[in-house]
Amino acid sequence: MREPKYSPVIRLDAWLQRANARMRASLCDAVDIPSGLLRHWATGRRNMSARMAGKLSEASEKVSLDFPDAPIPLTRGDLCAACHACSHFIESRKI
Protein backbone atom coordinates (compact mmCIF):
# COMPACT_ATOMS: atom_id res chain seq x y z
CA MET A 1 0.00 0.00 0.00
CA ARG A 2 1.40 3.40 -0.96
CA GLU A 3 1.71 6.23 1.51
CA PRO A 4 -0.57 9.18 0.66
CA LYS A 5 1.10 12.11 -1.08
CA TYR A 6 2.66 14.57 1.37
CA SER A 7 0.82 17.84 1.86
CA PRO A 8 1.42 20.40 4.62
CA VAL A 9 -2.14 21.63 4.01
CA ILE A 10 -3.65 18.25 4.90
CA ARG A 11 -1.55 17.78 8.05
CA LEU A 12 -2.23 21.25 9.48
CA ASP A 13 -5.91 21.12 8.56
CA ALA A 14 -6.28 17.73 10.29
CA TRP A 15 -4.59 19.09 13.43
CA LEU A 16 -6.85 22.16 13.47
CA GLN A 17 -9.98 20.03 13.07
CA ARG A 18 -9.00 17.83 16.01
CA ALA A 19 -8.05 20.75 18.26
CA ASN A 20 -10.63 22.72 20.19
CA ALA A 21 -10.83 26.52 20.20
CA ARG A 22 -8.67 26.88 23.34
CA MET A 23 -5.92 24.72 21.82
CA ARG A 24 -5.94 26.71 18.58
CA ALA A 25 -5.84 29.98 20.54
CA SER A 26 -2.96 28.70 22.66
CA LEU A 27 -1.04 27.74 19.51
CA CYS A 28 -1.59 31.18 17.97
CA ASP A 29 -0.63 32.98 21.18
CA ALA A 30 2.58 30.96 21.51
CA VAL A 31 3.86 32.13 18.11
CA ASP A 32 2.10 35.52 18.13
CA ILE A 33 0.01 35.10 14.98
CA PRO A 34 -3.68 35.72 14.24
CA SER A 35 -5.92 32.67 13.93
CA GLY A 36 -6.79 33.70 10.38
CA LEU A 37 -3.23 33.02 9.30
CA LEU A 38 -3.55 29.41 10.50
CA ARG A 39 -6.64 29.04 8.33
CA HIS A 40 -4.78 30.49 5.34
CA TRP A 41 -1.99 27.93 5.78
CA ALA A 42 -4.47 25.10 6.36
CA THR A 43 -6.37 25.87 3.16
CA GLY A 44 -3.25 26.36 1.05
CA ARG A 45 -3.88 30.05 0.49
CA ARG A 46 -0.40 30.83 1.85
CA ASN A 47 2.79 28.82 2.24
CA MET A 48 4.61 28.55 5.54
CA SER A 49 8.29 29.41 5.93
CA ALA A 50 10.73 26.96 7.50
CA ARG A 51 11.28 29.33 10.43
CA MET A 52 7.55 29.55 11.18
CA ALA A 53 7.22 25.77 10.80
CA GLY A 54 9.83 25.39 13.54
CA LYS A 55 8.02 27.83 15.82
CA LEU A 56 4.66 26.14 15.26
CA SER A 57 6.20 22.72 15.82
CA GLU A 58 7.55 23.80 19.21
CA ALA A 59 4.25 25.49 20.07
CA SER A 60 2.23 22.38 19.18
CA GLU A 61 4.43 20.35 21.55
CA LYS A 62 3.66 22.86 24.31
CA VAL A 63 -0.07 22.65 23.52
CA SER A 64 0.06 18.86 23.77
CA LEU A 65 1.63 19.18 27.24
CA ASP A 66 -0.91 21.78 28.38
CA PHE A 67 -3.96 19.91 27.06
CA PRO A 68 -4.06 16.14 27.61
CA ASP A 69 -6.59 15.64 24.80
CA ALA A 70 -4.60 17.65 22.24
CA PRO A 71 -3.78 16.17 18.83
CA ILE A 72 -0.33 14.68 18.22
CA PRO A 73 2.23 17.53 17.95
CA LEU A 74 3.16 18.72 14.47
CA THR A 75 6.70 18.52 13.13
CA ARG A 76 8.53 20.96 10.87
CA GLY A 77 8.19 18.44 8.08
CA ASP A 78 4.43 18.29 8.60
CA LEU A 79 4.14 22.03 8.08
CA CYS A 80 6.66 23.08 5.44
CA ALA A 81 7.45 21.46 2.10
CA ALA A 82 11.08 22.62 2.27
CA CYS A 83 11.51 21.05 5.71
CA HIS A 84 9.82 17.85 4.56
CA ALA A 85 12.38 17.49 1.74
CA CYS A 86 15.38 18.35 3.95
CA SER A 87 17.91 15.58 4.50
CA HIS A 88 17.94 16.27 8.27
CA PHE A 89 14.19 15.67 8.51
CA ILE A 90 14.40 12.54 6.34
CA GLU A 91 17.18 11.11 8.52
CA SER A 92 15.28 11.90 11.72
CA ARG A 93 12.27 9.91 10.49
CA LYS A 94 14.44 6.80 10.05
CA ILE A 95 15.22 6.65 13.78
PDB file of N, CA and C in Angstrom:
ATOM      1  N   MET A   1       0.843  -1.181   0.000  1.00  0.00           N
ATOM      2  CA  MET A   1       0.000   0.000   0.000  1.00  0.00           C
ATOM      3  C   MET A   1       0.887   1.243   0.000  1.00  0.00           C
ATOM      4  N   ARG A   2       0.598   2.182  -0.857  1.00  0.00           N
ATOM      5  CA  ARG A   2       1.404   3.403  -0.959  1.00  0.00           C
ATOM      6  C   ARG A   2       0.973   4.421   0.075  1.00  0.00           C
ATOM      7  N   GLU A   3       1.971   5.147   0.553  1.00  0.00           N
ATOM      8  CA  GLU A   3       1.709   6.229   1.507  1.00  0.00           C
ATOM      9  C   GLU A   3       1.069   7.384   0.751  1.00  0.00           C
ATOM     10  N   PRO A   4       0.056   8.053   1.347  1.00  0.00           N
ATOM     11  CA  PRO A   4      -0.565   9.179   0.659  1.00  0.00           C
ATOM     12  C   PRO A   4       0.450  10.280   0.370  1.00  0.00           C
ATOM     13  N   LYS A   5       0.206  11.024  -0.694  1.00  0.00           N
ATOM     14  CA  LYS A   5       1.104  12.115  -1.078  1.00  0.00           C
ATOM     15  C   LYS A   5       1.197  13.131   0.064  1.00  0.00           C
ATOM     16  N   TYR A   6       2.412  13.588   0.302  1.00  0.00           N
ATOM     17  CA  TYR A   6       2.656  14.566   1.370  1.00  0.00           C
ATOM     18  C   TYR A   6       1.990  15.899   1.030  1.00  0.00           C
ATOM     19  N   SER A   7       1.390  16.502   2.019  1.00  0.00           N
ATOM     20  CA  SER A   7       0.822  17.837   1.863  1.00  0.00           C
ATOM     21  C   SER A   7       0.780  18.528   3.217  1.00  0.00           C
ATOM     22  N   PRO A   8       1.490  19.675   3.351  1.00  0.00           N
ATOM     23  CA  PRO A   8       1.420  20.398   4.619  1.00  0.00           C
ATOM     24  C   PRO A   8       0.008  20.901   4.898  1.00  0.00           C
ATOM     25  N   VAL A   9      -0.768  21.151   3.850  1.00  0.00           N
ATOM     26  CA  VAL A   9      -2.137  21.628   4.013  1.00  0.00           C
ATOM     27  C   VAL A   9      -2.974  20.570   4.739  1.00  0.00           C
ATOM     28  N   ILE A  10      -2.865  19.327   4.308  1.00  0.00           N
ATOM     29  CA  ILE A  10      -3.654  18.249   4.902  1.00  0.00           C
ATOM     30  C   ILE A  10      -3.281  18.038   6.366  1.00  0.00           C
ATOM     31  N   ARG A  11      -1.985  18.043   6.665  1.00  0.00           N
ATOM     32  CA  ARG A  11      -1.551  17.782   8.048  1.00  0.00           C
ATOM     33  C   ARG A  11      -1.995  18.891   9.002  1.00  0.00           C
ATOM     34  N   LEU A  12      -1.819  20.137   8.607  1.00  0.00           N
ATOM     35  CA  LEU A  12      -2.229  21.249   9.478  1.00  0.00           C
ATOM     36  C   LEU A  12      -3.744  21.291   9.612  1.00  0.00           C
ATOM     37  N   ASP A  13      -4.458  21.097   8.517  1.00  0.00           N
ATOM     38  CA  ASP A  13      -5.914  21.120   8.563  1.00  0.00           C
ATOM     39  C   ASP A  13      -6.444  20.019   9.490  1.00  0.00           C
ATOM     40  N   ALA A  14      -5.857  18.835   9.418  1.00  0.00           N
ATOM     41  CA  ALA A  14      -6.280  17.735  10.294  1.00  0.00           C
ATOM     42  C   ALA A  14      -6.036  18.084  11.760  1.00  0.00           C
ATOM     43  N   TRP A  15      -4.893  18.699  12.051  1.00  0.00           N
ATOM     44  CA  TRP A  15      -4.594  19.094  13.435  1.00  0.00           C
ATOM     45  C   TRP A  15      -5.617  20.118  13.916  1.00  0.00           C
ATOM     46  N   LEU A  16      -5.914  21.107  13.084  1.00  0.00           N
ATOM     47  CA  LEU A  16      -6.853  22.160  13.474  1.00  0.00           C
ATOM     48  C   LEU A  16      -8.256  21.601  13.690  1.00  0.00           C
ATOM     49  N   GLN A  17      -8.659  20.622  12.898  1.00  0.00           N
ATOM     50  CA  GLN A  17      -9.982  20.031  13.067  1.00  0.00           C
ATOM     51  C   GLN A  17     -10.086  19.236  14.367  1.00  0.00           C
ATOM     52  N   ARG A  18      -8.988  18.616  14.775  1.00  0.00           N
ATOM     53  CA  ARG A  18      -8.998  17.827  16.010  1.00  0.00           C
ATOM     54  C   ARG A  18      -8.862  18.697  17.265  1.00  0.00           C
ATOM     55  N   ALA A  19      -8.279  19.862  17.114  1.00  0.00           N
ATOM     56  CA  ALA A  19      -8.051  20.748  18.264  1.00  0.00           C
ATOM     57  C   ALA A  19      -9.301  21.577  18.563  1.00  0.00           C
ATOM     58  N   ASN A  20      -9.506  21.849  19.842  1.00  0.00           N
ATOM     59  CA  ASN A  20     -10.632  22.723  20.188  1.00  0.00           C
ATOM     60  C   ASN A  20     -10.181  24.187  20.114  1.00  0.00           C
ATOM     61  N   ALA A  21     -11.115  25.091  20.351  1.00  0.00           N
ATOM     62  CA  ALA A  21     -10.831  26.525  20.202  1.00  0.00           C
ATOM     63  C   ALA A  21      -9.728  26.993  21.151  1.00  0.00           C
ATOM     64  N   ARG A  22      -9.704  26.467  22.381  1.00  0.00           N
ATOM     65  CA  ARG A  22      -8.667  26.883  23.342  1.00  0.00           C
ATOM     66  C   ARG A  22      -7.288  26.421  22.890  1.00  0.00           C
ATOM     67  N   MET A  23      -7.201  25.234  22.320  1.00  0.00           N
ATOM     68  CA  MET A  23      -5.919  24.725  21.823  1.00  0.00           C
ATOM     69  C   MET A  23      -5.424  25.564  20.649  1.00  0.00           C
ATOM     70  N   ARG A  24      -6.333  25.888  19.744  1.00  0.00           N
ATOM     71  CA  ARG A  24      -5.942  26.710  18.584  1.00  0.00           C
ATOM     72  C   ARG A  24      -5.497  28.097  19.044  1.00  0.00           C
ATOM     73  N   ALA A  25      -6.218  28.668  20.011  1.00  0.00           N
ATOM     74  CA  ALA A  25      -5.844  29.983  20.539  1.00  0.00           C
ATOM     75  C   ALA A  25      -4.490  29.926  21.233  1.00  0.00           C
ATOM     76  N   SER A  26      -4.241  28.864  21.978  1.00  0.00           N
ATOM     77  CA  SER A  26      -2.959  28.699  22.659  1.00  0.00           C
ATOM     78  C   SER A  26      -1.823  28.594  21.643  1.00  0.00           C
ATOM     79  N   LEU A  27      -2.047  27.866  20.558  1.00  0.00           N
ATOM     80  CA  LEU A  27      -1.038  27.739  19.507  1.00  0.00           C
ATOM     81  C   LEU A  27      -0.736  29.100  18.883  1.00  0.00           C
ATOM     82  N   CYS A  28      -1.778  29.856  18.573  1.00  0.00           N
ATOM     83  CA  CYS A  28      -1.591  31.184  17.973  1.00  0.00           C
ATOM     84  C   CYS A  28      -0.883  32.140  18.925  1.00  0.00           C
ATOM     85  N   ASP A  29      -1.261  32.104  20.190  1.00  0.00           N
ATOM     86  CA  ASP A  29      -0.635  32.983  21.181  1.00  0.00           C
ATOM     87  C   ASP A  29       0.847  32.661  21.354  1.00  0.00           C
ATOM     88  N   ALA A  30       1.185  31.377  21.294  1.00  0.00           N
ATOM     89  CA  ALA A  30       2.577  30.963  21.508  1.00  0.00           C
ATOM     90  C   ALA A  30       3.511  31.486  20.423  1.00  0.00           C
ATOM     91  N   VAL A  31       2.998  31.643  19.213  1.00  0.00           N
ATOM     92  CA  VAL A  31       3.856  32.127  18.114  1.00  0.00           C
ATOM     93  C   VAL A  31       3.468  33.529  17.659  1.00  0.00           C
ATOM     94  N   ASP A  32       2.516  34.138  18.375  1.00  0.00           N
ATOM     95  CA  ASP A  32       2.102  35.519  18.129  1.00  0.00           C
ATOM     96  C   ASP A  32       1.623  35.737  16.694  1.00  0.00           C
ATOM     97  N   ILE A  33       0.620  34.946  16.300  1.00  0.00           N
ATOM     98  CA  ILE A  33       0.009  35.097  14.976  1.00  0.00           C
ATOM     99  C   ILE A  33      -1.507  35.132  15.133  1.00  0.00           C
ATOM    100  N   PRO A  34      -2.217  35.754  14.186  1.00  0.00           N
ATOM    101  CA  PRO A  34      -3.683  35.724  14.237  1.00  0.00           C
ATOM    102  C   PRO A  34      -4.198  34.358  13.787  1.00  0.00           C
ATOM    103  N   SER A  35      -5.355  33.975  14.283  1.00  0.00           N
ATOM    104  CA  SER A  35      -5.918  32.671  13.930  1.00  0.00           C
ATOM    105  C   SER A  35      -6.234  32.575  12.439  1.00  0.00           C
ATOM    106  N   GLY A  36      -6.506  33.698  11.820  1.00  0.00           N
ATOM    107  CA  GLY A  36      -6.793  33.696  10.383  1.00  0.00           C
ATOM    108  C   GLY A  36      -5.613  33.201   9.557  1.00  0.00           C
ATOM    109  N   LEU A  37      -4.412  33.476  10.023  1.00  0.00           N
ATOM    110  CA  LEU A  37      -3.226  33.017   9.304  1.00  0.00           C
ATOM    111  C   LEU A  37      -3.129  31.500   9.327  1.00  0.00           C
ATOM    112  N   LEU A  38      -3.506  30.880  10.438  1.00  0.00           N
ATOM    113  CA  LEU A  38      -3.552  29.412  10.501  1.00  0.00           C
ATOM    114  C   LEU A  38      -4.513  28.869   9.454  1.00  0.00           C
ATOM    115  N   ARG A  39      -5.663  29.494   9.327  1.00  0.00           N
ATOM    116  CA  ARG A  39      -6.641  29.043   8.328  1.00  0.00           C
ATOM    117  C   ARG A  39      -6.094  29.209   6.916  1.00  0.00           C
ATOM    118  N   HIS A  40      -5.375  30.290   6.667  1.00  0.00           N
ATOM    119  CA  HIS A  40      -4.781  30.491   5.336  1.00  0.00           C
ATOM    120  C   HIS A  40      -3.784  29.381   5.021  1.00  0.00           C
ATOM    121  N   TRP A  41      -2.949  29.022   5.994  1.00  0.00           N
ATOM    122  CA  TRP A  41      -1.994  27.930   5.779  1.00  0.00           C
ATOM    123  C   TRP A  41      -2.719  26.602   5.592  1.00  0.00           C
ATOM    124  N   ALA A  42      -3.753  26.376   6.397  1.00  0.00           N
ATOM    125  CA  ALA A  42      -4.471  25.098   6.357  1.00  0.00           C
ATOM    126  C   ALA A  42      -5.264  24.904   5.065  1.00  0.00           C
ATOM    127  N   THR A  43      -5.626  25.991   4.412  1.00  0.00           N
ATOM    128  CA  THR A  43      -6.370  25.871   3.156  1.00  0.00           C
ATOM    129  C   THR A  43      -5.464  25.985   1.939  1.00  0.00           C
ATOM    130  N   GLY A  44      -4.191  26.251   2.169  1.00  0.00           N
ATOM    131  CA  GLY A  44      -3.255  26.365   1.051  1.00  0.00           C
ATOM    132  C   GLY A  44      -3.214  27.737   0.405  1.00  0.00           C
ATOM    133  N   ARG A  45      -3.867  28.694   1.033  1.00  0.00           N
ATOM    134  CA  ARG A  45      -3.875  30.053   0.486  1.00  0.00           C
ATOM    135  C   ARG A  45      -2.496  30.714   0.600  1.00  0.00           C
ATOM    136  N   ARG A  46      -1.762  30.337   1.643  1.00  0.00           N
ATOM    137  CA  ARG A  46      -0.402  30.834   1.846  1.00  0.00           C
ATOM    138  C   ARG A  46       0.509  29.667   2.170  1.00  0.00           C
ATOM    139  N   ASN A  47       1.794  29.828   1.890  1.00  0.00           N
ATOM    140  CA  ASN A  47       2.788  28.818   2.237  1.00  0.00           C
ATOM    141  C   ASN A  47       3.526  29.247   3.496  1.00  0.00           C
ATOM    142  N   MET A  48       3.926  28.276   4.291  1.00  0.00           N
ATOM    143  CA  MET A  48       4.614  28.554   5.545  1.00  0.00           C
ATOM    144  C   MET A  48       6.129  28.507   5.341  1.00  0.00           C
ATOM    145  N   SER A  49       6.832  29.414   5.986  1.00  0.00           N
ATOM    146  CA  SER A  49       8.293  29.408   5.932  1.00  0.00           C
ATOM    147  C   SER A  49       8.840  28.331   6.862  1.00  0.00           C
ATOM    148  N   ALA A  50      10.075  27.958   6.648  1.00  0.00           N
ATOM    149  CA  ALA A  50      10.726  26.964   7.496  1.00  0.00           C
ATOM    150  C   ALA A  50      10.852  27.477   8.932  1.00  0.00           C
ATOM    151  N   ARG A  51      11.144  28.745   9.086  1.00  0.00           N
ATOM    152  CA  ARG A  51      11.275  29.327  10.430  1.00  0.00           C
ATOM    153  C   ARG A  51       9.949  29.255  11.192  1.00  0.00           C
ATOM    154  N   MET A  52       8.859  29.609  10.525  1.00  0.00           N
ATOM    155  CA  MET A  52       7.554  29.553  11.182  1.00  0.00           C
ATOM    156  C   MET A  52       7.146  28.108  11.455  1.00  0.00           C
ATOM    157  N   ALA A  53       7.516  27.193  10.575  1.00  0.00           N
ATOM    158  CA  ALA A  53       7.219  25.773  10.801  1.00  0.00           C
ATOM    159  C   ALA A  53       7.899  25.297  12.080  1.00  0.00           C
ATOM    160  N   GLY A  54       9.127  25.743  12.311  1.00  0.00           N
ATOM    161  CA  GLY A  54       9.829  25.389  13.541  1.00  0.00           C
ATOM    162  C   GLY A  54       9.143  25.952  14.771  1.00  0.00           C
ATOM    163  N   LYS A  55       8.712  27.205  14.691  1.00  0.00           N
ATOM    164  CA  LYS A  55       8.023  27.828  15.821  1.00  0.00           C
ATOM    165  C   LYS A  55       6.699  27.124  16.121  1.00  0.00           C
ATOM    166  N   LEU A  56       5.945  26.813  15.062  1.00  0.00           N
ATOM    167  CA  LEU A  56       4.663  26.141  15.264  1.00  0.00           C
ATOM    168  C   LEU A  56       4.848  24.722  15.787  1.00  0.00           C
ATOM    169  N   SER A  57       5.903  24.073  15.342  1.00  0.00           N
ATOM    170  CA  SER A  57       6.197  22.723  15.820  1.00  0.00           C
ATOM    171  C   SER A  57       6.445  22.740  17.328  1.00  0.00           C
ATOM    172  N   GLU A  58       7.270  23.670  17.780  1.00  0.00           N
ATOM    173  CA  GLU A  58       7.547  23.795  19.212  1.00  0.00           C
ATOM    174  C   GLU A  58       6.282  24.177  19.985  1.00  0.00           C
ATOM    175  N   ALA A  59       5.488  25.070  19.405  1.00  0.00           N
ATOM    176  CA  ALA A  59       4.254  25.491  20.074  1.00  0.00           C
ATOM    177  C   ALA A  59       3.254  24.340  20.161  1.00  0.00           C
ATOM    178  N   SER A  60       3.179  23.500  19.139  1.00  0.00           N
ATOM    179  CA  SER A  60       2.230  22.381  19.185  1.00  0.00           C
ATOM    180  C   SER A  60       2.658  21.355  20.237  1.00  0.00           C
ATOM    181  N   GLU A  61       3.957  21.230  20.468  1.00  0.00           N
ATOM    182  CA  GLU A  61       4.426  20.353  21.547  1.00  0.00           C
ATOM    183  C   GLU A  61       3.983  20.905  22.899  1.00  0.00           C
ATOM    184  N   LYS A  62       4.091  22.219  23.068  1.00  0.00           N
ATOM    185  CA  LYS A  62       3.656  22.856  24.313  1.00  0.00           C
ATOM    186  C   LYS A  62       2.153  22.683  24.507  1.00  0.00           C
ATOM    187  N   VAL A  63       1.384  22.835  23.429  1.00  0.00           N
ATOM    188  CA  VAL A  63      -0.066  22.652  23.517  1.00  0.00           C
ATOM    189  C   VAL A  63      -0.387  21.223  23.939  1.00  0.00           C
ATOM    190  N   SER A  64       0.343  20.255  23.403  1.00  0.00           N
ATOM    191  CA  SER A  64       0.061  18.858  23.768  1.00  0.00           C
ATOM    192  C   SER A  64       0.402  18.579  25.232  1.00  0.00           C
ATOM    193  N   LEU A  65       1.325  19.328  25.810  1.00  0.00           N
ATOM    194  CA  LEU A  65       1.629  19.179  27.237  1.00  0.00           C
ATOM    195  C   LEU A  65       0.579  19.875  28.104  1.00  0.00           C
ATOM    196  N   ASP A  66       0.079  21.009  27.614  1.00  0.00           N
ATOM    197  CA  ASP A  66      -0.908  21.779  28.381  1.00  0.00           C
ATOM    198  C   ASP A  66      -2.307  21.172  28.334  1.00  0.00           C
ATOM    199  N   PHE A  67      -2.630  20.496  27.239  1.00  0.00           N
ATOM    200  CA  PHE A  67      -3.958  19.915  27.055  1.00  0.00           C
ATOM    201  C   PHE A  67      -3.808  18.409  26.813  1.00  0.00           C
ATOM    202  N   PRO A  68      -4.235  17.586  27.750  1.00  0.00           N
ATOM    203  CA  PRO A  68      -4.060  16.136  27.609  1.00  0.00           C
ATOM    204  C   PRO A  68      -4.767  15.542  26.392  1.00  0.00           C
ATOM    205  N   ASP A  69      -5.851  16.162  25.941  1.00  0.00           N
ATOM    206  CA  ASP A  69      -6.593  15.636  24.796  1.00  0.00           C
ATOM    207  C   ASP A  69      -6.192  16.287  23.473  1.00  0.00           C
ATOM    208  N   ALA A  70      -5.064  16.972  23.453  1.00  0.00           N
ATOM    209  CA  ALA A  70      -4.598  17.654  22.235  1.00  0.00           C
ATOM    210  C   ALA A  70      -4.165  16.642  21.174  1.00  0.00           C
ATOM    211  N   PRO A  71      -4.274  17.041  19.906  1.00  0.00           N
ATOM    212  CA  PRO A  71      -3.779  16.170  18.830  1.00  0.00           C
ATOM    213  C   PRO A  71      -2.272  15.954  18.938  1.00  0.00           C
ATOM    214  N   ILE A  72      -1.768  14.967  18.239  1.00  0.00           N
ATOM    215  CA  ILE A  72      -0.332  14.685  18.218  1.00  0.00           C
ATOM    216  C   ILE A  72       0.403  15.935  17.723  1.00  0.00           C
ATOM    217  N   PRO A  73       1.512  16.317  18.374  1.00  0.00           N
ATOM    218  CA  PRO A  73       2.235  17.527  17.953  1.00  0.00           C
ATOM    219  C   PRO A  73       2.678  17.445  16.495  1.00  0.00           C
ATOM    220  N   LEU A  74       2.705  18.595  15.867  1.00  0.00           N
ATOM    221  CA  LEU A  74       3.160  18.717  14.473  1.00  0.00           C
ATOM    222  C   LEU A  74       4.682  18.787  14.438  1.00  0.00           C
ATOM    223  N   THR A  75       5.257  18.378  13.332  1.00  0.00           N
ATOM    224  CA  THR A  75       6.698  18.523  13.128  1.00  0.00           C
ATOM    225  C   THR A  75       6.940  19.561  12.049  1.00  0.00           C
ATOM    226  N   ARG A  76       8.179  20.026  11.950  1.00  0.00           N
ATOM    227  CA  ARG A  76       8.532  20.958  10.874  1.00  0.00           C
ATOM    228  C   ARG A  76       8.166  20.378   9.511  1.00  0.00           C
ATOM    229  N   GLY A  77       8.473  19.110   9.341  1.00  0.00           N
ATOM    230  CA  GLY A  77       8.193  18.441   8.076  1.00  0.00           C
ATOM    231  C   GLY A  77       6.719  18.314   7.768  1.00  0.00           C
ATOM    232  N   ASP A  78       5.877  18.316   8.818  1.00  0.00           N
ATOM    233  CA  ASP A  78       4.432  18.292   8.604  1.00  0.00           C
ATOM    234  C   ASP A  78       3.932  19.618   8.058  1.00  0.00           C
ATOM    235  N   LEU A  79       4.645  20.693   8.351  1.00  0.00           N
ATOM    236  CA  LEU A  79       4.137  22.033   8.081  1.00  0.00           C
ATOM    237  C   LEU A  79       4.749  22.736   6.878  1.00  0.00           C
ATOM    238  N   CYS A  80       5.924  22.342   6.481  1.00  0.00           N
ATOM    239  CA  CYS A  80       6.656  23.082   5.442  1.00  0.00           C
ATOM    240  C   CYS A  80       7.233  22.108   4.424  1.00  0.00           C
ATOM    241  N   ALA A  81       6.955  22.346   3.159  1.00  0.00           N
ATOM    242  CA  ALA A  81       7.447  21.464   2.100  1.00  0.00           C
ATOM    243  C   ALA A  81       8.973  21.439   2.050  1.00  0.00           C
ATOM    244  N   ALA A  82       9.613  22.578   2.279  1.00  0.00           N
ATOM    245  CA  ALA A  82      11.079  22.622   2.266  1.00  0.00           C
ATOM    246  C   ALA A  82      11.658  21.781   3.406  1.00  0.00           C
ATOM    247  N   CYS A  83      11.040  21.856   4.575  1.00  0.00           N
ATOM    248  CA  CYS A  83      11.512  21.051   5.712  1.00  0.00           C
ATOM    249  C   CYS A  83      11.267  19.569   5.457  1.00  0.00           C
ATOM    250  N   HIS A  84      10.154  19.247   4.832  1.00  0.00           N
ATOM    251  CA  HIS A  84       9.820  17.851   4.556  1.00  0.00           C
ATOM    252  C   HIS A  84      10.847  17.213   3.615  1.00  0.00           C
ATOM    253  N   ALA A  85      11.406  18.004   2.711  1.00  0.00           N
ATOM    254  CA  ALA A  85      12.378  17.494   1.742  1.00  0.00           C
ATOM    255  C   ALA A  85      13.816  17.557   2.255  1.00  0.00           C
ATOM    256  N   CYS A  86      14.035  18.174   3.399  1.00  0.00           N
ATOM    257  CA  CYS A  86      15.377  18.354   3.947  1.00  0.00           C
ATOM    258  C   CYS A  86      15.972  17.019   4.402  1.00  0.00           C
ATOM    259  N   SER A  87      17.248  16.835   4.143  1.00  0.00           N
ATOM    260  CA  SER A  87      17.910  15.576   4.499  1.00  0.00           C
ATOM    261  C   SER A  87      17.910  15.348   6.012  1.00  0.00           C
ATOM    262  N   HIS A  88      17.969  16.411   6.808  1.00  0.00           N
ATOM    263  CA  HIS A  88      17.938  16.268   8.271  1.00  0.00           C
ATOM    264  C   HIS A  88      16.599  15.682   8.729  1.00  0.00           C
ATOM    265  N   PHE A  89      15.512  16.175   8.155  1.00  0.00           N
ATOM    266  CA  PHE A  89      14.191  15.666   8.513  1.00  0.00           C
ATOM    267  C   PHE A  89      14.032  14.218   8.063  1.00  0.00           C
ATOM    268  N   ILE A  90      14.497  13.906   6.863  1.00  0.00           N
ATOM    269  CA  ILE A  90      14.395  12.538   6.338  1.00  0.00           C
ATOM    270  C   ILE A  90      15.167  11.574   7.218  1.00  0.00           C
ATOM    271  N   GLU A  91      16.374  11.963   7.633  1.00  0.00           N
ATOM    272  CA  GLU A  91      17.175  11.107   8.522  1.00  0.00           C
ATOM    273  C   GLU A  91      16.521  10.925   9.888  1.00  0.00           C
ATOM    274  N   SER A  92      15.907  11.988  10.407  1.00  0.00           N
ATOM    275  CA  SER A  92      15.279  11.903  11.723  1.00  0.00           C
ATOM    276  C   SER A  92      14.078  10.966  11.702  1.00  0.00           C
ATOM    277  N   ARG A  93      13.435  10.807  10.577  1.00  0.00           N
ATOM    278  CA  ARG A  93      12.272   9.908  10.487  1.00  0.00           C
ATOM    279  C   ARG A  93      12.704   8.444  10.454  1.00  0.00           C
ATOM    280  N   LYS A  94      13.953   8.177  10.114  1.00  0.00           N
ATOM    281  CA  LYS A  94      14.444   6.800  10.048  1.00  0.00           C
ATOM    282  C   LYS A  94      14.700   6.228  11.429  1.00  0.00           C
ATOM    283  N   ILE A  95      14.883   7.103  12.411  1.00  0.00           N
ATOM    284  CA  ILE A  95      15.223   6.655  13.779  1.00  0.00           C
ATOM    285  C   ILE A  95      13.999   6.091  14.447  1.00  0.00           C
TER     286      ILE A  95
END
